[in-house]
Amino acid sequence: MNLAINLSKVELKKSKEAVTGKMGLSWLTHAMKDFGVEKMISDEYVAGSNREIRYFEKIMAAVMTRVAGGDRVEDVESLRVDRGLVESLGWNTIMSADTYLNLINDKRSNAQLRRVNTELVIKALRRLEETDLTYDNDATYFDSAKKSAEYSYQKSKQFSGLVGCIAELGMINTVDFRRGNVSPQSGIINQFKKAVAQVRTAGKRIKTFRSDSAAYRMDVMRYCDVQGIKYFISADKDKAVRKTIEKIKASQWGVLAGEYSKNEGTRWAETKHVMSKGFTVRMLVLRWQNPNPDLFESSLYCYHAIVTNDFEIKAMDWLKVHNGRMGTIEHNHQEIKSELGCAYAPSHEFEKNRGYFLIGILAFNMLVILKRFYMGMSTINWKIKMLRYQFINVCGKIVKSGRRYCCKIINVTDEVFELYTNCKSKLNCYVY
């Protein structure tokens, strides 16, 4: 068929044909049902009347909206009118935007969302081959003009999310949503203890803890020592740390080696730092030329320090382990904020914003499960943008022939079709 060159002469019609351009959303939902998410949700939420949309369908509709690229509550309406998607899900309908807001408006409901996320992580941890795991923790901030936002140390009205993840799994296992004026240090030790409990429940153990200077706290470090966990934490450059750095002799500064040798202007030195009586840590210090010495920072050099309780690891390996958190927790921050709408607050009401953030976290974790356990390990490092292009936003249709159903994936490459084939082979039941 040769399309008319001038589209202004083409007649435009609205169709309700049962074809969807987001077939991957249906497969995501069926994969989560296969993974046991439906039971996790039904165990947490008590159903209302028989006419009410089930909570599994509500939560998955919210998740699908975010996965598809919608970053507003109202974007769920685009899925609601997608007849092909609704039929492929086997649902009667998809919830409205008002139902979405009601779902995330309740403090109790949001606490249930966090518990569902915990159960999801624990089940995924049990399937993980690795036994010794790494826990990364960090806070992320985003600007907001909403009334419930508060001014942070960045001097902007913001909300923040304190999140932790298991590096080997890639999933966010601990999460708190706060106003911007809450200290980045607040809540770290509580999340750390929750992470340890989750991992133990799954029959694993946390071997390593990594964080920025927000975790440079005695309670965090002592907890690591008690639990036998090696920590790698950026040091807060307070007066005591600066005093320790000043004592480093000129002969102690060395050149970075291995993969860091390209940083020719950076030098490193190792020393010990006494945090309190009877409590000494090993400290790695990096030094480079201060590009803009001024009244407030007159030093000729800039410094970055990392402390650890591992007294055997070599300096360059130490640096590599600590920097590994950039590929996990900081990467996750970028994905949830730029691709899943977690940097957006839909309401002036704090609880609605918390619920919206938690839905984004749940969506992120479900995509990790989809890639790791259903699509194949070749996709594990795919970013969400890539996943949307190759799997989610794919045209398809469910066709019934006799007593059998067929899912037709339309106009895709062999590589894309193989992703669906892999996913199908991992499901313990058919799509219907």
Protein backbone atom coordinates (compact mmCIF):
# COMPACT_ATOMS: atom_id res chain seq x y z
CA MET A 1 0.00 0.00 0.00
CA ASN A 2 1.36 3.36 -1.06
CA LEU A 3 0.43 6.01 1.51
CA ALA A 4 -0.76 9.30 0.11
CA ILE A 5 2.06 11.82 0.13
CA ASN A 6 -0.11 14.59 1.56
CA LEU A 7 -1.58 13.45 4.89
CA SER A 8 -3.98 16.40 4.88
CA LYS A 9 -5.96 14.49 2.20
CA VAL A 10 -6.17 11.32 4.29
CA GLU A 11 -9.45 10.72 6.13
CA LEU A 12 -8.97 10.45 9.91
CA LYS A 13 -11.11 8.00 11.91
CA LYS A 14 -11.20 6.87 15.53
CA SER A 15 -11.04 3.09 15.99
CA LYS A 16 -11.67 0.71 18.91
CA GLU A 17 -9.89 -2.21 17.31
CA ALA A 18 -8.38 -4.57 19.92
CA VAL A 19 -4.77 -3.86 18.95
CA THR A 20 -2.35 -2.32 21.45
CA GLY A 21 0.93 -0.53 20.93
CA LYS A 22 2.02 -1.47 24.46
CA MET A 23 1.89 -5.25 24.47
CA GLY A 24 4.93 -5.38 26.75
CA LEU A 25 2.83 -3.96 29.59
CA SER A 26 0.56 -6.99 29.43
CA TRP A 27 3.52 -9.35 29.55
CA LEU A 28 4.98 -7.42 32.49
CA THR A 29 1.70 -7.82 34.38
CA HIS A 30 1.42 -11.54 33.62
CA ALA A 31 5.06 -12.04 34.63
CA MET A 32 4.39 -10.31 37.95
CA LYS A 33 1.32 -12.49 38.47
CA ASP A 34 3.50 -15.53 37.78
CA PHE A 35 6.09 -14.20 40.26
CA GLY A 36 3.43 -14.12 42.98
CA VAL A 37 2.76 -10.38 43.20
CA GLU A 38 -1.00 -10.86 43.05
CA LYS A 39 -0.90 -12.95 46.23
CA MET A 40 1.48 -10.50 47.94
CA ILE A 41 -0.99 -7.68 47.28
CA SER A 42 -4.10 -9.66 48.24
CA ASP A 43 -2.40 -10.62 51.53
CA GLU A 44 -1.84 -6.94 52.33
CA TYR A 45 -5.04 -5.32 51.04
CA VAL A 46 -8.53 -6.30 52.17
CA ALA A 47 -10.93 -6.26 49.22
CA GLY A 48 -14.03 -4.08 49.41
CA SER A 49 -17.23 -4.86 47.58
CA ASN A 50 -17.32 -7.38 44.72
CA ARG A 51 -17.85 -4.50 42.31
CA GLU A 52 -14.62 -2.78 43.32
CA ILE A 53 -11.55 -3.13 41.09
CA ARG A 54 -9.10 -5.54 42.70
CA TYR A 55 -6.06 -4.00 44.37
CA PHE A 56 -3.72 -6.04 42.19
CA GLU A 57 -5.30 -4.45 39.11
CA LYS A 58 -5.15 -0.97 40.66
CA ILE A 59 -1.48 -1.20 41.61
CA MET A 60 -0.47 -2.80 38.31
CA ALA A 61 -2.38 -0.10 36.38
CA ALA A 62 -0.41 2.55 38.28
CA VAL A 63 2.84 0.67 37.63
CA MET A 64 2.05 0.21 33.93
CA THR A 65 1.38 3.94 33.56
CA ARG A 66 4.84 4.75 34.87
CA VAL A 67 6.55 2.00 32.87
CA ALA A 68 4.90 3.22 29.67
CA GLY A 69 6.42 6.67 30.25
CA GLY A 70 3.50 8.48 31.87
CA ASP A 71 4.64 10.87 34.57
CA ARG A 72 1.25 12.26 35.58
CA VAL A 73 -1.64 10.58 37.38
CA GLU A 74 -3.93 11.52 34.50
CA ASP A 75 -1.80 9.48 32.08
CA VAL A 76 -3.54 6.31 33.30
CA GLU A 77 -6.48 7.37 31.10
CA SER A 78 -4.40 6.57 28.00
CA LEU A 79 -4.22 2.95 29.14
CA ARG A 80 -7.87 2.96 30.14
CA VAL A 81 -9.00 3.51 26.53
CA ASP A 82 -6.53 0.96 25.10
CA ARG A 83 -8.95 -1.88 24.33
CA GLY A 84 -6.23 -4.16 23.04
CA LEU A 85 -4.27 -3.80 26.29
CA VAL A 86 -7.33 -4.35 28.49
CA GLU A 87 -8.26 -7.53 26.58
CA SER A 88 -4.69 -8.86 26.68
CA LEU A 89 -4.74 -8.41 30.46
CA GLY A 90 -8.04 -10.26 30.78
CA TRP A 91 -9.49 -7.36 32.79
CA ASN A 92 -12.87 -5.68 32.48
CA THR A 93 -11.43 -2.19 32.79
CA ILE A 94 -8.47 -0.13 34.01
CA MET A 95 -8.90 2.22 36.96
CA SER A 96 -9.49 5.94 36.44
CA ALA A 97 -7.22 8.80 37.50
CA ASP A 98 -9.49 9.51 40.48
CA THR A 99 -9.11 5.91 41.68
CA TYR A 100 -5.35 6.25 41.25
CA LEU A 101 -5.34 9.31 43.54
CA ASN A 102 -7.47 7.53 46.13
CA LEU A 103 -5.03 4.60 46.08
CA ILE A 104 -2.04 6.76 47.03
CA ASN A 105 -3.90 9.14 49.33
CA ASP A 106 -3.93 6.93 52.41
CA LYS A 107 -1.02 6.56 54.84
CA ARG A 108 -2.02 2.99 55.64
CA SER A 109 -2.18 2.08 51.95
CA ASN A 110 1.29 3.53 51.35
CA ALA A 111 2.66 1.48 54.26
CA GLN A 112 1.15 -1.57 52.56
CA LEU A 113 2.89 -0.61 49.31
CA ARG A 114 6.22 -0.63 51.13
CA ARG A 115 5.52 -4.06 52.62
CA VAL A 116 4.62 -5.42 49.18
CA ASN A 117 7.93 -4.05 47.90
CA THR A 118 9.75 -5.78 50.77
CA GLU A 119 8.11 -9.13 49.96
CA LEU A 120 8.99 -8.65 46.29
CA VAL A 121 12.66 -8.04 47.16
CA ILE A 122 12.89 -10.99 49.56
CA LYS A 123 11.48 -13.40 46.97
CA ALA A 124 13.91 -12.09 44.35
CA LEU A 125 16.79 -12.42 46.83
CA ARG A 126 15.95 -16.09 47.35
CA ARG A 127 16.36 -16.67 43.61
CA LEU A 128 19.69 -14.86 43.51
CA GLU A 129 22.75 -17.11 43.18
CA GLU A 130 25.08 -14.89 45.22
CA THR A 131 25.15 -15.36 48.99
CA ASP A 132 27.40 -12.47 50.12
CA LEU A 133 25.79 -9.18 49.15
CA THR A 134 26.50 -5.44 49.03
CA TYR A 135 24.07 -2.85 50.40
CA ASP A 136 24.27 0.72 49.07
CA ASN A 137 22.39 3.64 50.62
CA ASP A 138 21.96 7.24 49.49
CA ALA A 139 19.45 10.11 49.50
CA THR A 140 18.20 11.83 46.35
CA TYR A 141 16.52 15.25 46.12
CA PHE A 142 14.22 16.95 43.63
CA ASP A 143 12.76 20.45 43.45
CA SER A 144 9.05 21.04 43.93
CA ALA A 145 6.78 24.04 44.29
CA LYS A 146 4.18 22.05 46.23
CA LYS A 147 3.06 23.35 49.63
CA SER A 148 4.21 20.21 51.45
CA ALA A 149 7.81 20.60 50.17
CA GLU A 150 10.42 22.19 52.45
CA TYR A 151 13.75 23.95 51.95
CA SER A 152 16.71 21.57 52.00
CA TYR A 153 20.43 22.18 52.53
CA GLN A 154 20.54 22.86 48.78
CA LYS A 155 18.52 26.04 49.49
CA SER A 156 15.55 24.95 47.34
CA LYS A 157 12.05 23.72 48.17
CA GLN A 158 12.41 19.99 47.72
CA PHE A 159 11.33 16.47 48.55
CA SER A 160 13.85 13.71 49.13
CA GLY A 161 13.92 9.97 48.92
CA LEU A 162 16.27 7.91 51.07
CA VAL A 163 16.74 4.63 49.23
CA GLY A 164 18.93 1.57 49.57
CA CYS A 165 19.62 -1.20 47.10
CA ILE A 166 21.26 -4.60 46.92
CA ALA A 167 24.00 -4.12 44.32
CA GLU A 168 24.07 -7.73 43.08
CA LEU A 169 20.30 -7.75 42.57
CA GLY A 170 19.81 -4.19 41.37
CA MET A 171 16.52 -3.76 43.25
CA ILE A 172 15.65 -0.96 45.68
CA ASN A 173 14.97 -2.77 48.96
CA THR A 174 14.57 0.11 51.44
CA VAL A 175 12.81 3.43 50.81
CA ASP A 176 11.63 6.51 52.71
CA PHE A 177 10.03 9.62 51.21
CA ARG A 178 10.64 12.83 53.17
CA ARG A 179 10.37 16.59 53.02
CA GLY A 180 13.52 18.40 51.94
CA ASN A 181 14.36 19.72 55.42
CA VAL A 182 14.93 16.21 56.80
CA SER A 183 18.65 15.56 57.31
CA PRO A 184 20.23 13.13 54.80
CA GLN A 185 21.66 11.26 57.82
CA SER A 186 18.23 10.66 59.32
CA GLY A 187 16.92 7.12 58.90
CA ILE A 188 20.08 5.50 57.49
CA ILE A 189 20.69 3.19 60.44
CA ASN A 190 17.02 2.11 60.47
CA GLN A 191 17.10 1.29 56.76
CA PHE A 192 20.38 -0.55 57.24
CA LYS A 193 18.85 -2.76 59.94
CA LYS A 194 15.81 -3.45 57.74
CA ALA A 195 18.11 -4.46 54.88
CA VAL A 196 20.02 -6.87 57.12
CA ALA A 197 16.73 -8.41 58.27
CA GLN A 198 15.47 -8.78 54.68
CA VAL A 199 18.63 -10.47 53.50
CA ARG A 200 18.67 -12.85 56.48
CA THR A 201 15.06 -13.81 55.77
CA ALA A 202 16.15 -14.74 52.26
CA GLY A 203 18.99 -16.89 53.64
CA LYS A 204 21.77 -14.50 52.56
CA ARG A 205 24.04 -12.02 54.32
CA ILE A 206 25.23 -8.47 53.75
CA LYS A 207 29.01 -8.52 53.48
CA THR A 208 29.66 -4.92 52.36
CA PHE A 209 28.06 -1.53 53.05
CA ARG A 210 28.75 1.55 50.88
CA SER A 211 27.52 5.11 51.23
CA ASP A 212 28.41 8.77 50.91
CA SER A 213 29.28 11.05 53.85
CA ALA A 214 25.69 11.00 55.18
CA ALA A 215 26.51 7.58 56.67
CA TYR A 216 29.72 8.86 58.28
CA ARG A 217 28.28 8.16 61.72
CA MET A 218 29.48 6.19 64.72
CA ASP A 219 26.21 4.23 65.03
CA VAL A 220 26.43 3.02 61.43
CA MET A 221 30.09 2.00 61.72
CA ARG A 222 29.67 0.29 65.09
CA TYR A 223 26.67 -1.62 63.72
CA CYS A 224 28.84 -2.82 60.82
CA ASP A 225 31.52 -4.01 63.26
CA VAL A 226 28.97 -5.89 65.37
CA GLN A 227 27.44 -7.54 62.28
CA GLY A 228 30.80 -8.36 60.68
CA ILE A 229 30.12 -6.09 57.68
CA LYS A 230 32.90 -4.28 55.83
CA TYR A 231 32.02 -0.63 55.22
CA PHE A 232 33.32 1.87 52.66
CA ILE A 233 32.00 5.34 53.51
CA SER A 234 32.95 8.80 52.28
CA ALA A 235 34.22 10.83 55.23
CA ASP A 236 32.68 14.11 56.25
CA LYS A 237 35.50 16.65 55.93
CA ASP A 238 35.02 18.00 59.44
CA LYS A 239 37.73 19.64 61.57
CA ALA A 240 39.04 16.30 62.89
CA VAL A 241 39.33 14.77 59.41
CA ARG A 242 41.10 17.85 58.06
CA LYS A 243 43.53 17.70 60.96
CA THR A 244 44.32 14.08 60.14
CA ILE A 245 44.88 14.96 56.46
CA GLU A 246 47.24 17.79 57.41
CA LYS A 247 49.47 15.29 59.23
CA ILE A 248 50.08 13.29 56.04
CA LYS A 249 53.71 13.79 54.98
CA ALA A 250 54.63 14.85 51.44
CA SER A 251 56.48 11.56 50.90
CA GLN A 252 53.29 9.59 51.58
CA TRP A 253 51.38 10.93 48.56
CA GLY A 254 51.48 8.46 45.68
CA VAL A 255 50.29 8.25 42.06
CA LEU A 256 47.08 6.39 41.27
CA ALA A 257 47.64 3.03 39.60
CA GLY A 258 45.72 0.56 37.46
CA GLU A 259 42.47 1.79 35.92
CA TYR A 260 42.84 5.10 37.80
CA SER A 261 46.28 5.92 36.39
CA LYS A 262 44.71 8.23 33.77
CA ASN A 263 43.88 10.67 36.59
CA GLU A 264 47.38 12.11 36.46
CA GLY A 265 46.62 15.15 38.62
CA THR A 266 45.25 13.12 41.54
CA ARG A 267 47.41 11.74 44.35
CA TRP A 268 46.50 9.34 47.13
CA ALA A 269 47.67 8.56 50.62
CA GLU A 270 46.61 6.19 53.36
CA THR A 271 46.41 6.94 57.08
CA LYS A 272 44.52 6.06 60.24
CA HIS A 273 41.89 8.31 61.75
CA VAL A 274 40.80 8.22 65.39
CA MET A 275 37.07 9.00 65.53
CA SER A 276 36.78 8.57 69.29
CA LYS A 277 38.69 6.95 72.10
CA GLY A 278 39.25 3.31 71.19
CA PHE A 279 37.67 3.66 67.73
CA THR A 280 40.11 3.94 64.82
CA VAL A 281 39.34 3.62 61.11
CA ARG A 282 41.50 3.24 58.04
CA MET A 283 41.33 6.29 55.77
CA LEU A 284 42.13 6.67 52.07
CA VAL A 285 42.64 10.28 50.98
CA LEU A 286 42.58 11.60 47.40
CA ARG A 287 44.13 14.99 46.63
CA TRP A 288 44.01 17.18 43.54
CA GLN A 289 44.78 20.81 42.68
CA ASN A 290 42.14 23.33 43.78
CA PRO A 291 41.05 24.99 40.50
CA ASN A 292 39.52 28.05 42.21
CA PRO A 293 41.10 28.92 45.55
CA ASP A 294 39.12 31.76 47.13
CA LEU A 295 38.26 33.39 50.44
CA PHE A 296 36.11 30.43 51.56
CA GLU A 297 38.40 27.65 50.31
CA SER A 298 41.96 28.95 50.33
CA SER A 299 43.64 25.53 50.36
CA LEU A 300 45.82 24.69 47.37
CA TYR A 301 44.22 21.24 47.18
CA CYS A 302 40.80 19.60 47.21
CA TYR A 303 40.41 16.38 49.19
CA HIS A 304 38.16 13.35 49.23
CA ALA A 305 38.41 10.79 52.02
CA ILE A 306 36.99 7.27 52.35
CA VAL A 307 37.00 5.28 55.58
CA THR A 308 36.80 1.52 56.05
CA ASN A 309 37.12 -1.18 58.69
CA ASP A 310 38.82 -3.50 56.19
CA PHE A 311 42.51 -3.40 57.17
CA GLU A 312 43.59 -5.90 54.50
CA ILE A 313 42.21 -4.58 51.22
CA LYS A 314 44.69 -2.82 48.89
CA ALA A 315 44.22 0.90 48.26
CA MET A 316 43.24 0.73 44.57
CA ASP A 317 40.84 -2.16 45.22
CA TRP A 318 39.43 -0.14 48.10
CA LEU A 319 38.80 2.80 45.77
CA LYS A 320 37.20 0.54 43.16
CA VAL A 321 34.82 -1.03 45.67
CA HIS A 322 33.68 2.36 46.95
CA ASN A 323 33.24 3.83 43.46
CA GLY A 324 31.11 0.83 42.51
CA ARG A 325 28.17 2.50 44.22
CA MET A 326 28.00 4.98 41.31
CA GLY A 327 26.86 2.15 39.06
CA THR A 328 24.20 0.98 41.48
CA ILE A 329 22.52 3.44 43.83
CA GLU A 330 23.31 6.58 41.82
CA HIS A 331 22.27 4.85 38.59
CA ASN A 332 19.00 3.84 40.26
CA HIS A 333 18.41 7.45 41.34
CA GLN A 334 18.74 8.59 37.76
CA GLU A 335 16.40 5.91 36.44
CA ILE A 336 13.58 6.42 38.93
CA LYS A 337 13.70 10.21 38.57
CA SER A 338 14.19 10.64 34.83
CA GLU A 339 12.35 7.55 33.50
CA LEU A 340 9.72 6.68 36.12
CA GLY A 341 8.54 10.12 37.19
CA CYS A 342 9.80 9.98 40.78
CA ALA A 343 11.07 13.57 40.48
CA TYR A 344 7.46 14.77 40.15
CA ALA A 345 5.00 15.51 42.95
CA PRO A 346 1.36 15.34 41.78
CA SER A 347 -0.25 17.05 44.78
CA HIS A 348 0.16 19.63 47.53
CA GLU A 349 -0.70 16.82 49.96
CA PHE A 350 2.37 15.03 51.29
CA GLU A 351 0.81 11.56 51.51
CA LYS A 352 -0.22 11.55 47.84
CA ASN A 353 3.32 12.50 46.86
CA ARG A 354 4.71 9.71 49.05
CA GLY A 355 2.40 7.17 47.42
CA TYR A 356 3.33 8.38 43.95
CA PHE A 357 7.02 7.99 44.76
CA LEU A 358 6.47 4.46 46.14
CA ILE A 359 4.62 3.41 42.97
CA GLY A 360 7.69 4.50 40.98
CA ILE A 361 9.94 2.37 43.21
CA LEU A 362 7.63 -0.61 42.77
CA ALA A 363 7.66 -0.11 38.99
CA PHE A 364 11.46 -0.01 38.99
CA ASN A 365 11.74 -3.26 40.95
CA MET A 366 9.21 -5.04 38.77
CA LEU A 367 11.23 -4.13 35.69
CA VAL A 368 14.36 -5.55 37.32
CA ILE A 369 12.49 -8.81 37.99
CA LEU A 370 11.18 -8.87 34.41
CA LYS A 371 14.70 -8.49 32.99
CA ARG A 372 16.50 -10.79 35.38
CA PHE A 373 14.05 -13.68 35.70
CA TYR A 374 11.94 -13.57 32.53
CA MET A 375 13.64 -11.81 29.61
CA GLY A 376 17.14 -13.18 30.14
CA MET A 377 20.42 -11.93 31.60
CA SER A 378 21.42 -10.29 28.30
CA THR A 379 18.95 -7.51 29.16
CA ILE A 380 19.93 -7.05 32.81
CA ASN A 381 21.94 -3.88 32.12
CA TRP A 382 19.34 -2.34 29.84
CA LYS A 383 18.13 1.07 30.89
CA ILE A 384 14.39 1.67 31.08
CA LYS A 385 14.48 3.76 27.91
CA MET A 386 15.95 0.79 26.01
CA LEU A 387 13.45 -1.61 27.56
CA ARG A 388 10.55 0.60 26.46
CA TYR A 389 11.80 0.72 22.90
CA GLN A 390 12.59 -2.98 22.56
CA PHE A 391 9.87 -4.62 24.66
CA ILE A 392 7.20 -2.41 26.24
CA ASN A 393 6.05 -0.25 23.33
CA VAL A 394 5.53 -3.12 20.91
CA CYS A 395 2.41 -3.56 18.80
CA GLY A 396 0.42 -6.73 19.43
CA LYS A 397 -2.98 -8.38 19.51
CA ILE A 398 -4.64 -11.30 21.27
CA VAL A 399 -6.51 -13.54 18.83
CA LYS A 400 -8.87 -16.39 19.77
CA SER A 401 -9.01 -19.40 17.47
CA GLY A 402 -11.30 -22.18 18.60
CA ARG A 403 -10.41 -22.78 22.24
CA ARG A 404 -6.90 -21.39 21.93
CA TYR A 405 -5.50 -17.91 22.30
CA CYS A 406 -2.63 -16.51 20.27
CA CYS A 407 -0.63 -13.38 21.04
CA LYS A 408 0.48 -11.82 17.76
CA ILE A 409 3.54 -9.57 18.02
CA ILE A 410 3.32 -7.29 15.00
CA ASN A 411 6.15 -5.94 12.85
CA VAL A 412 9.18 -6.61 15.09
CA THR A 413 12.71 -7.85 14.53
CA ASP A 414 13.74 -11.42 15.34
CA GLU A 415 15.67 -10.11 18.36
CA VAL A 416 12.56 -8.47 19.82
CA PHE A 417 10.43 -11.55 19.17
CA GLU A 418 13.06 -13.64 20.97
CA LEU A 419 12.59 -11.49 24.08
CA TYR A 420 8.91 -12.44 24.12
CA THR A 421 9.80 -16.07 23.46
CA ASN A 422 12.18 -16.06 26.43
CA CYS A 423 9.55 -14.47 28.62
CA LYS A 424 6.93 -17.01 27.53
CA SER A 425 9.25 -19.93 28.29
CA LYS A 426 9.81 -18.69 31.86
CA LEU A 427 6.11 -18.37 32.69
CA ASN A 428 4.64 -21.30 34.56
CA CYS A 429 1.29 -20.76 32.94
CA TYR A 430 -0.02 -19.48 29.62
CA VAL A 431 -0.93 -15.82 29.15
CA TYR A 432 -4.52 -16.81 29.92
